Amino acid sequence: MNRIYVLLLFIPMLFACGPQNDGLTMHNSQAIHDHDRCHMCGMMITKYPGPKGEVLLKNSDVIPKFCSTRDMFNFILQPENQRQVSQVYVHDMAKTSWEMPKDDSFIDGVKAWYVYGSNRKGVMGPSVGSFSSADAAQNFANEFGGAVLAYDEITLEVLGEGMSHEKGMSHKKT
């Protein structure tokens, strides 16, 4: 009986020795391959600069991948898709190249901070830069322009109007 108690004492130590997780880095994202096409527009994903995104859907093995975070938001903000989304992944652009984002820099898109309206271009015009911290997003906005937004502040209206922070978008700081 004492052996069981001793074993139970060691179980928490097994988890304590595991890799550290900052709450943003995700390990369930899928690699984006050279021939993967954007779920929204059909363009080759890796052929273009800027952050990419992917979405896990409830009750589906299909993982929609996107050539830009802008296309990703246009997909997930559609009323018929909103209830189906279980996880969102985006590149942390503070940790990877704008020209060729790497798959190991995917983060939780819901917890990410975004910059919209910068002069950095994505696939088809205005990009939505994604970052793991508000400070990194603000630094990017200071250098390249744009407004810092939380996930919930990005709407179809914001994306459709192509507005910049000078035209009324909120400018979040923490």
Protein backbone atom coordinates (compact mmCIF):
# COMPACT_ATOMS: atom_id res chain seq x y z
CA MET A 1 0.00 0.00 0.00
CA ASN A 2 2.88 2.37 0.79
CA ARG A 3 4.23 1.80 -2.72
CA ILE A 4 1.04 3.25 -4.20
CA TYR A 5 1.42 6.42 -2.13
CA VAL A 6 5.06 6.75 -3.15
CA LEU A 7 4.09 6.35 -6.82
CA LEU A 8 1.35 8.96 -6.46
CA LEU A 9 3.91 11.39 -5.09
CA PHE A 10 6.04 11.04 -8.24
CA ILE A 11 3.23 11.70 -10.74
CA PRO A 12 3.30 15.52 -10.32
CA MET A 13 7.06 15.45 -10.83
CA LEU A 14 6.60 13.88 -14.25
CA PHE A 15 4.58 16.86 -15.39
CA ALA A 16 6.87 19.38 -13.73
CA CYS A 17 9.80 18.14 -15.79
CA GLY A 18 8.00 18.60 -19.11
CA PRO A 19 8.59 21.45 -21.54
CA GLN A 20 7.50 24.91 -20.44
CA ASN A 21 4.51 26.42 -22.21
CA ASP A 22 3.99 30.18 -22.21
CA GLY A 23 0.27 29.73 -22.90
CA LEU A 24 0.64 31.03 -26.45
CA THR A 25 2.85 28.53 -28.25
CA MET A 26 0.72 25.80 -29.77
CA HIS A 27 1.83 22.34 -30.77
CA ASN A 28 -1.27 21.14 -32.58
CA SER A 29 -0.85 23.30 -35.63
CA GLN A 30 -0.04 21.64 -38.92
CA ALA A 31 2.93 22.35 -41.14
CA ILE A 32 2.21 24.43 -44.20
CA HIS A 33 3.67 22.64 -47.20
CA ASP A 34 4.87 24.16 -50.47
CA HIS A 35 1.81 22.97 -52.39
CA ASP A 36 -0.86 23.84 -49.78
CA ARG A 37 -3.48 26.23 -51.10
CA CYS A 38 -5.44 28.89 -49.25
CA HIS A 39 -8.87 27.70 -48.16
CA MET A 40 -10.39 31.08 -49.12
CA CYS A 41 -8.72 32.16 -52.37
CA GLY A 42 -6.89 29.06 -53.60
CA MET A 43 -3.48 30.75 -53.83
CA MET A 44 -0.31 28.86 -52.96
CA ILE A 45 0.27 29.69 -49.29
CA THR A 46 4.07 29.65 -49.03
CA LYS A 47 4.58 31.69 -52.18
CA TYR A 48 3.71 35.00 -50.52
CA PRO A 49 4.99 37.07 -47.56
CA GLY A 50 3.28 37.84 -44.28
CA PRO A 51 1.66 35.86 -41.49
CA LYS A 52 -0.41 32.81 -42.31
CA GLY A 53 -3.19 31.16 -40.36
CA GLU A 54 -4.96 27.88 -39.87
CA VAL A 55 -8.10 26.82 -38.10
CA LEU A 56 -9.22 23.65 -36.37
CA LEU A 57 -12.90 22.94 -36.81
CA LYS A 58 -15.19 21.02 -34.49
CA ASN A 59 -16.16 17.57 -35.77
CA SER A 60 -13.84 17.78 -38.77
CA ASP A 61 -10.45 16.42 -39.72
CA VAL A 62 -10.08 19.10 -42.39
CA ILE A 63 -7.74 21.90 -41.29
CA PRO A 64 -8.33 25.03 -43.38
CA LYS A 65 -5.05 26.85 -44.01
CA PHE A 66 -4.80 30.42 -45.22
CA CYS A 67 -2.30 32.47 -47.22
CA SER A 68 -2.90 35.41 -44.90
CA THR A 69 -4.39 36.17 -41.53
CA ARG A 70 -6.77 38.51 -43.37
CA ASP A 71 -8.22 35.57 -45.36
CA MET A 72 -8.33 33.53 -42.16
CA PHE A 73 -10.40 36.22 -40.42
CA ASN A 74 -12.68 36.56 -43.45
CA PHE A 75 -13.37 32.82 -43.09
CA ILE A 76 -13.83 32.55 -39.33
CA LEU A 77 -15.97 35.68 -39.06
CA GLN A 78 -18.59 34.31 -41.45
CA PRO A 79 -21.68 33.45 -39.34
CA GLU A 80 -21.82 29.88 -40.66
CA ASN A 81 -18.20 29.27 -39.64
CA GLN A 82 -18.01 31.03 -36.26
CA ARG A 83 -19.62 28.19 -34.28
CA GLN A 84 -17.42 25.58 -35.95
CA VAL A 85 -14.03 27.04 -34.97
CA SER A 86 -12.31 25.27 -32.08
CA GLN A 87 -8.76 26.65 -32.40
CA VAL A 88 -7.00 29.38 -34.36
CA TYR A 89 -3.27 29.45 -35.14
CA VAL A 90 -1.26 32.37 -36.51
CA HIS A 91 2.43 33.15 -36.91
CA ASP A 92 4.13 35.23 -34.23
CA MET A 93 5.76 37.77 -36.52
CA ALA A 94 8.08 38.92 -33.74
CA LYS A 95 9.76 35.50 -33.94
CA THR A 96 9.80 34.74 -37.65
CA SER A 97 10.58 36.33 -41.00
CA TRP A 98 7.88 38.40 -42.72
CA GLU A 99 9.04 37.07 -46.09
CA MET A 100 8.93 33.37 -45.11
CA PRO A 101 7.16 32.65 -41.80
CA LYS A 102 8.21 29.38 -40.18
CA ASP A 103 5.77 26.76 -38.87
CA ASP A 104 7.47 26.59 -35.48
CA SER A 105 6.29 30.14 -34.72
CA PHE A 106 2.56 29.36 -34.65
CA ILE A 107 0.72 30.74 -31.62
CA ASP A 108 -2.84 30.73 -30.30
CA GLY A 109 -4.64 33.18 -32.54
CA VAL A 110 -7.31 34.03 -29.98
CA LYS A 111 -4.68 35.23 -27.49
CA ALA A 112 -2.60 37.00 -30.14
CA TRP A 113 -2.41 40.74 -30.81
CA TYR A 114 -2.83 42.09 -34.32
CA VAL A 115 -1.70 45.11 -36.29
CA TYR A 116 -3.99 46.21 -39.10
CA GLY A 117 -3.28 49.03 -41.52
CA SER A 118 0.51 48.84 -41.59
CA ASN A 119 2.56 49.49 -44.70
CA ARG A 120 3.78 45.85 -44.69
CA LYS A 121 1.95 44.05 -47.46
CA GLY A 122 0.65 40.53 -47.41
CA VAL A 123 -0.73 38.41 -50.21
CA MET A 124 -3.35 40.76 -51.64
CA GLY A 125 -2.80 44.12 -50.04
CA PRO A 126 -3.38 45.11 -46.41
CA SER A 127 -2.04 42.62 -43.93
CA VAL A 128 -3.06 41.72 -40.42
CA GLY A 129 0.23 41.20 -38.58
CA SER A 130 0.02 38.77 -35.66
CA PHE A 131 2.06 38.86 -32.45
CA SER A 132 2.20 37.00 -29.14
CA SER A 133 2.35 40.20 -27.07
CA ALA A 134 0.82 43.66 -27.15
CA ASP A 135 4.32 45.14 -26.79
CA ALA A 136 5.59 43.34 -29.89
CA ALA A 137 2.51 44.44 -31.83
CA GLN A 138 2.97 48.03 -30.65
CA ASN A 139 6.65 48.00 -31.65
CA PHE A 140 5.67 46.78 -35.12
CA ALA A 141 2.94 49.45 -35.38
CA ASN A 142 5.43 52.14 -34.32
CA GLU A 143 7.77 51.07 -37.11
CA PHE A 144 5.32 50.22 -39.91
CA GLY A 145 2.11 52.01 -38.92
CA GLY A 146 -1.30 50.53 -38.19
CA ALA A 147 -3.53 49.96 -35.21
CA VAL A 148 -3.00 47.37 -32.50
CA LEU A 149 -6.09 45.20 -32.03
CA ALA A 150 -7.10 42.28 -29.87
CA TYR A 151 -8.63 39.21 -31.57
CA ASP A 152 -12.20 40.24 -30.70
CA GLU A 153 -11.73 43.70 -32.21
CA ILE A 154 -11.23 42.35 -35.72
CA THR A 155 -14.54 42.28 -37.55
CA LEU A 156 -15.71 41.89 -41.13
CA GLU A 157 -16.49 45.61 -41.09
CA VAL A 158 -12.91 46.46 -40.10
CA LEU A 159 -11.50 44.17 -42.80
CA GLY A 160 -13.98 45.37 -45.41
CA GLU A 161 -13.48 49.06 -44.82
CA GLY A 162 -9.70 48.81 -44.98
CA MET A 163 -9.61 51.57 -42.40
CA SER A 164 -6.43 52.71 -40.71
CA HIS A 165 -6.11 53.82 -37.11
CA GLU A 166 -6.43 57.44 -38.24
CA LYS A 167 -9.95 56.68 -39.50
CA GLY A 168 -11.32 55.41 -36.23
CA MET A 169 -9.89 52.04 -35.30
CA SER A 170 -9.13 51.64 -31.64
CA HIS A 171 -5.48 51.66 -30.67
CA LYS A 172 -4.93 49.24 -27.79
CA LYS A 173 -2.03 49.40 -25.42
CA THR A 174 -1.35 47.39 -22.32
